[in-house]
C-alpha atoms as a PDB file:
ATOM      1  CA  MET A   1      87.445  87.822  98.146  1.00  0.00           C
ATOM      2  CA  GLU A   2      87.105  91.298  96.614  1.00  0.00           C
ATOM      3  CA  THR A   3      90.208  93.041  95.282  1.00  0.00           C
ATOM      4  CA  PRO A   4      90.903  96.785  94.677  1.00  0.00           C
ATOM      5  CA  ASP A   5      90.219  98.212  91.245  1.00  0.00           C
ATOM      6  CA  LEU A   6      93.947  98.400  90.587  1.00  0.00           C
ATOM      7  CA  THR A   7      94.375  94.563  90.992  1.00  0.00           C
ATOM      8  CA  TYR A   8      93.147  91.781  88.698  1.00  0.00           C
ATOM      9  CA  ILE A   9      93.233  87.992  89.343  1.00  0.00           C
ATOM     10  CA  ASP A  10      92.850  85.856  86.278  1.00  0.00           C
ATOM     11  CA  ALA A  11      90.211  83.166  87.062  1.00  0.00           C
ATOM     12  CA  GLN A  12      91.856  80.502  84.926  1.00  0.00           C
ATOM     13  CA  THR A  13      95.492  80.908  85.844  1.00  0.00           C
ATOM     14  CA  ALA A  14      95.252  82.558  89.221  1.00  0.00           C
ATOM     15  CA  GLU A  15      97.839  85.141  88.071  1.00  0.00           C
ATOM     16  CA  LEU A  16      97.674  88.459  89.793  1.00  0.00           C
ATOM     17  CA  THR A  17      98.340  91.721  88.053  1.00  0.00           C
ATOM     18  CA  THR A  18      98.353  95.055  90.002  1.00  0.00           C
ATOM     19  CA  ALA A  19      99.186  98.665  89.174  1.00  0.00           C
ATOM     20  CA  ALA A  20     101.686 100.677  91.237  1.00  0.00           C
ATOM     21  CA  VAL A  21     100.388 103.584  93.227  1.00  0.00           C
ATOM     22  CA  ARG A  22     102.782 106.461  93.048  1.00  0.00           C
ATOM     23  CA  GLY A  23     103.883 107.707  96.560  1.00  0.00           C
ATOM     24  CA  PHE A  24     102.939 104.540  98.263  1.00  0.00           C
ATOM     25  CA  ALA A  25     105.467 101.875  99.408  1.00  0.00           C
ATOM     26  CA  GLU A  26     105.351  98.751 101.583  1.00  0.00           C
ATOM     27  CA  ARG A  27     107.790  96.243 103.012  1.00  0.00           C
ATOM     28  CA  LEU A  28     106.932  92.826 104.404  1.00  0.00           C
ATOM     29  CA  ASP A  29     109.568  91.124 106.613  1.00  0.00           C
ATOM     30  CA  VAL A  30     108.926  87.551 107.676  1.00  0.00           C
ATOM     31  CA  TYR A  31     111.178  85.952 110.308  1.00  0.00           C
ATOM     32  CA  VAL A  32     111.449  83.477 113.126  1.00  0.00           C
ATOM     33  CA  GLU A  33     111.714  84.684 116.743  1.00  0.00           C
ATOM     34  CA  ALA A  34     111.870  82.421 119.708  1.00  0.00           C
ATOM     35  CA  GLY A  35     110.530  79.560 117.533  1.00  0.00           C
ATOM     36  CA  GLU A  36     107.586  81.578 116.383  1.00  0.00           C
ATOM     37  CA  LEU A  37     106.925  82.743 112.816  1.00  0.00           C
ATOM     38  CA  ARG A  38     106.372  86.426 112.754  1.00  0.00           C
ATOM     39  CA  ALA A  39     106.041  89.266 110.254  1.00  0.00           C
ATOM     40  CA  GLU A  40     106.276  93.036 110.172  1.00  0.00           C
ATOM     41  CA  HIS A  41     104.342  94.891 107.413  1.00  0.00           C
ATOM     42  CA  ALA A  42     105.296  98.557 107.134  1.00  0.00           C
ATOM     43  CA  PHE A  43     103.746 101.201 104.861  1.00  0.00           C
ATOM     44  CA  TRP A  44     104.878 104.682 103.638  1.00  0.00           C
ATOM     45  CA  VAL A  45     103.090 107.456 101.861  1.00  0.00           C
ATOM     46  CA  PHE A  46     105.459 109.840 100.022  1.00  0.00           C
ATOM     47  CA  GLY A  47     108.338 108.641 102.029  1.00  0.00           C
ATOM     48  CA  LEU A  48     106.612 109.173 105.432  1.00  0.00           C
ATOM     49  CA  PRO A  49     105.932 105.984 107.527  1.00  0.00           C
ATOM     50  CA  PHE A  50     102.253 105.910 108.492  1.00  0.00           C
ATOM     51  CA  LEU A  51     101.524 102.241 109.550  1.00  0.00           C
ATOM     52  CA  VAL A  52     103.360  99.239 110.802  1.00  0.00           C
ATOM     53  CA  LEU A  53     101.519  95.956 111.422  1.00  0.00           C
ATOM     54  CA  HIS A  54     103.021  92.961 113.487  1.00  0.00           C
ATOM     55  CA  TYR A  55     101.814  89.410 112.844  1.00  0.00           C
ATOM     56  CA  ARG A  56     102.171  86.162 114.643  1.00  0.00           C
ATOM     57  CA  ILE A  57     101.731  83.349 112.164  1.00  0.00           C
ATOM     58  CA  THR A  58     100.370  79.922 113.232  1.00  0.00           C
ATOM     59  CA  ARG A  59      99.035  76.855 111.561  1.00  0.00           C
ATOM     60  CA  LYS A  60      95.283  76.403 111.096  1.00  0.00           C
ATOM     61  CA  PRO A  61      93.886  73.634 113.305  1.00  0.00           C
ATOM     62  CA  ARG A  62      93.323  70.431 111.333  1.00  0.00           C
ATOM     63  CA  LEU A  63      89.907  70.038 109.977  1.00  0.00           C
ATOM     64  CA  ARG A  64      88.208  66.819 111.059  1.00  0.00           C
ATOM     65  CA  LEU A  65      85.610  65.572 108.681  1.00  0.00           C
ATOM     66  CA  ALA A  66      82.787  63.142 109.412  1.00  0.00           C
ATOM     67  CA  PRO A  67      83.367  59.633 107.954  1.00  0.00           C
ATOM     68  CA  GLY A  68      82.679  59.591 104.220  1.00  0.00           C
ATOM     69  CA  ARG A  69      82.898  63.345 103.859  1.00  0.00           C
ATOM     70  CA  THR A  70      85.442  64.947 101.485  1.00  0.00           C
ATOM     71  CA  LEU A  71      86.606  68.486 100.797  1.00  0.00           C
ATOM     72  CA  GLY A  72      85.332  70.139  97.612  1.00  0.00           C
ATOM     73  CA  GLU A  73      87.885  71.299  95.061  1.00  0.00           C
ATOM     74  CA  ASN A  74      87.221  75.006  95.846  1.00  0.00           C
ATOM     75  CA  HIS A  75      86.974  74.674  99.679  1.00  0.00           C
ATOM     76  CA  GLY A  76      89.922  77.048 100.108  1.00  0.00           C
ATOM     77  CA  LEU A  77      91.899  75.380 102.867  1.00  0.00           C
ATOM     78  CA  VAL A  78      94.982  75.355 100.842  1.00  0.00           C
ATOM     79  CA  GLY A  79      96.144  78.726  99.376  1.00  0.00           C
ATOM     80  CA  ARG A  80      96.881  78.955  95.650  1.00  0.00           C
ATOM     81  CA  GLN A  81     100.296  80.084  94.604  1.00  0.00           C
ATOM     82  CA  ARG A  82     100.056  83.378  92.834  1.00  0.00           C
ATOM     83  CA  THR A  83     102.177  85.051  90.155  1.00  0.00           C
ATOM     84  CA  VAL A  84     102.469  88.754  90.834  1.00  0.00           C
ATOM     85  CA  GLN A  85     103.121  91.340  88.062  1.00  0.00           C
ATOM     86  CA  VAL A  86     103.526  95.000  88.989  1.00  0.00           C
ATOM     87  CA  LEU A  87     102.775  97.649  86.299  1.00  0.00           C
ATOM     88  CA  LEU A  88     104.748 100.920  86.516  1.00  0.00           C
END
């Protein structure tokens, strides 16, 4: 996965470092509505709203492997926990 030039992910620790972009703001609200996990992701530029994304979040279907097959360490089915550091 490519990341913007202002973001760096340490390959050994998976820590994420990113620089702040002046004039840009975002908010991510995650909530349950009618038993469904949802999210609203809003963005502003210089205080003016310009984009709101609405998500419905569901589980991935279970992967069925042929007998004797295993998943490799870097298969990517399970997300890694990331530490985020914002530089101002």
